[in-house]
Amino acid sequence: MKILIPVNDDKLTVCPVFARAPYFMVCTETAVDCVENPAASVQGGAGLKAAQFVVDQEADALITPRCGENAAQVFQAADIKIYLSQEDDAKANAELYLQQQLEELKHFHSGFVGKQ
């Protein structure tokens, strides 16, 4: 099991923006680590690049407060479930996921072209 969560610079709190989060917290059965998001500073296509990074990490699930339509399509094609975060604390969200207390994210925005 591998869960990815977009996190802020503190590497502890959930970032409100998936594609441009500075880091992703990677939670497995045995470890919690943070990795830089290669899409955080790209000029365009951040959602697709971040989504491909999550796929390349072989994630089983993503926990995020929101997600764009293009990224969601990448996750659906890769059979990665997207869950709606409930807490600011990323580890608390991972625990809620393990307890099956998070809802699947079903509504996706059209993207924030040029915005951060």
C-alpha atoms as a PDB file:
ATOM      1  CA  MET A   1       0.000   0.000   0.000  1.00  0.00           C
ATOM      2  CA  LYS A   2       1.294   3.437  -0.965  1.00  0.00           C
ATOM      3  CA  ILE A   3      -0.567   6.699  -0.361  1.00  0.00           C
ATOM      4  CA  LEU A   4       0.552  10.103  -1.651  1.00  0.00           C
ATOM      5  CA  ILE A   5      -0.608  13.395  -0.141  1.00  0.00           C
ATOM      6  CA  PRO A   6       0.336  16.875  -1.425  1.00  0.00           C
ATOM      7  CA  VAL A   7       1.961  18.795   1.438  1.00  0.00           C
ATOM      8  CA  ASN A   8       3.210  22.318   2.128  1.00  0.00           C
ATOM      9  CA  ASP A   9       6.812  23.378   2.768  1.00  0.00           C
ATOM     10  CA  ASP A  10       6.500  22.216   6.385  1.00  0.00           C
ATOM     11  CA  LYS A  11       6.071  18.669   5.022  1.00  0.00           C
ATOM     12  CA  LEU A  12       3.288  18.082   7.555  1.00  0.00           C
ATOM     13  CA  THR A  13       0.162  19.930   6.433  1.00  0.00           C
ATOM     14  CA  VAL A  14      -1.971  19.155   3.407  1.00  0.00           C
ATOM     15  CA  CYS A  15      -1.442  21.620   0.580  1.00  0.00           C
ATOM     16  CA  PRO A  16      -4.721  23.002  -0.796  1.00  0.00           C
ATOM     17  CA  VAL A  17      -3.388  22.734  -4.357  1.00  0.00           C
ATOM     18  CA  PHE A  18      -2.530  19.287  -5.716  1.00  0.00           C
ATOM     19  CA  ALA A  19      -0.462  20.087  -8.812  1.00  0.00           C
ATOM     20  CA  ARG A  20       1.696  22.858  -7.365  1.00  0.00           C
ATOM     21  CA  ALA A  21       2.244  21.433  -3.888  1.00  0.00           C
ATOM     22  CA  PRO A  22       5.946  21.719  -3.058  1.00  0.00           C
ATOM     23  CA  TYR A  23       6.120  18.127  -1.772  1.00  0.00           C
ATOM     24  CA  PHE A  24       4.254  14.855  -1.643  1.00  0.00           C
ATOM     25  CA  MET A  25       4.134  12.850   1.558  1.00  0.00           C
ATOM     26  CA  VAL A  26       4.582   9.178   0.696  1.00  0.00           C
ATOM     27  CA  CYS A  27       3.048   6.790   3.223  1.00  0.00           C
ATOM     28  CA  THR A  28       3.633   3.042   3.109  1.00  0.00           C
ATOM     29  CA  GLU A  29       3.101   0.268   5.636  1.00  0.00           C
ATOM     30  CA  THR A  30       6.616   0.765   6.976  1.00  0.00           C
ATOM     31  CA  ALA A  31       7.618   4.397   6.360  1.00  0.00           C
ATOM     32  CA  VAL A  32       6.583   7.996   5.851  1.00  0.00           C
ATOM     33  CA  ASP A  33       8.753  10.172   3.636  1.00  0.00           C
ATOM     34  CA  CYS A  34       8.444  13.399   1.647  1.00  0.00           C
ATOM     35  CA  VAL A  35       9.593  13.881  -1.940  1.00  0.00           C
ATOM     36  CA  GLU A  36       9.764  17.045  -4.020  1.00  0.00           C
ATOM     37  CA  ASN A  37       6.981  17.584  -6.516  1.00  0.00           C
ATOM     38  CA  PRO A  38       8.633  18.014  -9.928  1.00  0.00           C
ATOM     39  CA  ALA A  39       5.543  19.846 -11.211  1.00  0.00           C
ATOM     40  CA  ALA A  40       5.509  22.548  -8.527  1.00  0.00           C
ATOM     41  CA  SER A  41       7.262  25.167 -10.632  1.00  0.00           C
ATOM     42  CA  VAL A  42       6.575  24.191 -14.244  1.00  0.00           C
ATOM     43  CA  GLN A  43       5.054  26.874 -16.470  1.00  0.00           C
ATOM     44  CA  GLY A  44       2.142  24.830 -17.786  1.00  0.00           C
ATOM     45  CA  GLY A  45       0.682  21.357 -17.486  1.00  0.00           C
ATOM     46  CA  ALA A  46       1.397  21.085 -13.772  1.00  0.00           C
ATOM     47  CA  GLY A  47      -1.646  18.890 -13.160  1.00  0.00           C
ATOM     48  CA  LEU A  48      -0.652  16.324 -15.760  1.00  0.00           C
ATOM     49  CA  LYS A  49       2.993  16.331 -14.691  1.00  0.00           C
ATOM     50  CA  ALA A  50       2.106  15.940 -11.001  1.00  0.00           C
ATOM     51  CA  ALA A  51      -0.377  13.178 -11.849  1.00  0.00           C
ATOM     52  CA  GLN A  52       2.235  11.304 -13.872  1.00  0.00           C
ATOM     53  CA  PHE A  53       4.656  11.641 -10.951  1.00  0.00           C
ATOM     54  CA  VAL A  54       2.079  10.060  -8.624  1.00  0.00           C
ATOM     55  CA  VAL A  55       1.580   7.228 -11.137  1.00  0.00           C
ATOM     56  CA  ASP A  56       5.359   6.755 -11.439  1.00  0.00           C
ATOM     57  CA  GLN A  57       5.543   6.448  -7.642  1.00  0.00           C
ATOM     58  CA  GLU A  58       3.191   3.447  -7.998  1.00  0.00           C
ATOM     59  CA  ALA A  59       0.651   4.963  -5.619  1.00  0.00           C
ATOM     60  CA  ASP A  60      -2.489   3.076  -4.694  1.00  0.00           C
ATOM     61  CA  ALA A  61      -4.274   6.223  -3.539  1.00  0.00           C
ATOM     62  CA  LEU A  62      -4.031  10.004  -3.499  1.00  0.00           C
ATOM     63  CA  ILE A  63      -5.476  12.098  -0.671  1.00  0.00           C
ATOM     64  CA  THR A  64      -6.079  15.735  -1.626  1.00  0.00           C
ATOM     65  CA  PRO A  65      -8.581  18.556  -1.031  1.00  0.00           C
ATOM     66  CA  ARG A  66      -9.087  19.067  -4.782  1.00  0.00           C
ATOM     67  CA  CYS A  67      -7.923  17.829  -8.149  1.00  0.00           C
ATOM     68  CA  GLY A  68      -8.243  18.963 -11.756  1.00  0.00           C
ATOM     69  CA  GLU A  69     -10.088  17.038 -14.442  1.00  0.00           C
ATOM     70  CA  ASN A  70      -6.961  16.238 -16.491  1.00  0.00           C
ATOM     71  CA  ALA A  71      -5.100  14.832 -13.508  1.00  0.00           C
ATOM     72  CA  ALA A  72      -8.194  12.862 -12.457  1.00  0.00           C
ATOM     73  CA  GLN A  73      -8.304  11.216 -15.883  1.00  0.00           C
ATOM     74  CA  VAL A  74      -4.679  10.117 -15.459  1.00  0.00           C
ATOM     75  CA  PHE A  75      -5.499   8.603 -12.071  1.00  0.00           C
ATOM     76  CA  GLN A  76      -8.594   6.860 -13.393  1.00  0.00           C
ATOM     77  CA  ALA A  77      -6.586   5.343 -16.258  1.00  0.00           C
ATOM     78  CA  ALA A  78      -3.956   4.126 -13.766  1.00  0.00           C
ATOM     79  CA  ASP A  79      -6.627   2.811 -11.351  1.00  0.00           C
ATOM     80  CA  ILE A  80      -5.470   5.128  -8.552  1.00  0.00           C
ATOM     81  CA  LYS A  81      -8.254   6.134  -6.182  1.00  0.00           C
ATOM     82  CA  ILE A  82      -8.553   9.795  -5.147  1.00  0.00           C
ATOM     83  CA  TYR A  83      -9.796  10.598  -1.649  1.00  0.00           C
ATOM     84  CA  LEU A  84     -10.928  13.904  -0.167  1.00  0.00           C
ATOM     85  CA  SER A  85      -8.724  15.068   2.692  1.00  0.00           C
ATOM     86  CA  GLN A  86     -10.519  15.919   5.934  1.00  0.00           C
ATOM     87  CA  GLU A  87      -7.729  17.207   8.160  1.00  0.00           C
ATOM     88  CA  ASP A  88      -4.902  19.730   7.778  1.00  0.00           C
ATOM     89  CA  ASP A  89      -2.471  17.153   9.175  1.00  0.00           C
ATOM     90  CA  ALA A  90      -1.322  14.840   6.372  1.00  0.00           C
ATOM     91  CA  LYS A  91      -0.556  11.885   8.666  1.00  0.00           C
ATOM     92  CA  ALA A  92      -4.027  12.168  10.209  1.00  0.00           C
ATOM     93  CA  ASN A  93      -5.506  11.835   6.721  1.00  0.00           C
ATOM     94  CA  ALA A  94      -3.413   8.742   6.064  1.00  0.00           C
ATOM     95  CA  GLU A  95      -4.756   7.236   9.292  1.00  0.00           C
ATOM     96  CA  LEU A  96      -8.334   8.089   8.283  1.00  0.00           C
ATOM     97  CA  TYR A  97      -7.689   6.371   4.940  1.00  0.00           C
ATOM     98  CA  LEU A  98      -6.483   3.233   6.712  1.00  0.00           C
ATOM     99  CA  GLN A  99      -9.637   3.301   8.844  1.00  0.00           C
ATOM    100  CA  GLN A 100     -11.702   3.642   5.633  1.00  0.00           C
ATOM    101  CA  GLN A 101     -13.118   6.958   6.840  1.00  0.00           C
ATOM    102  CA  LEU A 102     -12.310   9.129   3.812  1.00  0.00           C
ATOM    103  CA  GLU A 103     -14.742   9.730   0.958  1.00  0.00           C
ATOM    104  CA  GLU A 104     -13.677   9.334  -2.645  1.00  0.00           C
ATOM    105  CA  LEU A 105     -13.249  12.658  -4.410  1.00  0.00           C
ATOM    106  CA  LYS A 106     -15.902  12.829  -7.125  1.00  0.00           C
ATOM    107  CA  HIS A 107     -15.883  16.492  -8.215  1.00  0.00           C
ATOM    108  CA  PHE A 108     -12.968  17.805 -10.244  1.00  0.00           C
ATOM    109  CA  HIS A 109     -12.258  21.376 -11.305  1.00  0.00           C
ATOM    110  CA  SER A 110     -11.371  22.380 -14.851  1.00  0.00           C
ATOM    111  CA  GLY A 111      -7.921  23.605 -13.837  1.00  0.00           C
ATOM    112  CA  PHE A 112      -6.234  26.810 -12.756  1.00  0.00           C
ATOM    113  CA  VAL A 113      -4.367  27.826 -15.890  1.00  0.00           C
ATOM    114  CA  GLY A 114      -1.563  30.190 -14.981  1.00  0.00           C
ATOM    115  CA  LYS A 115      -2.565  30.427 -11.312  1.00  0.00           C
ATOM    116  CA  GLN A 116      -0.750  29.152  -8.276  1.00  0.00           C
END
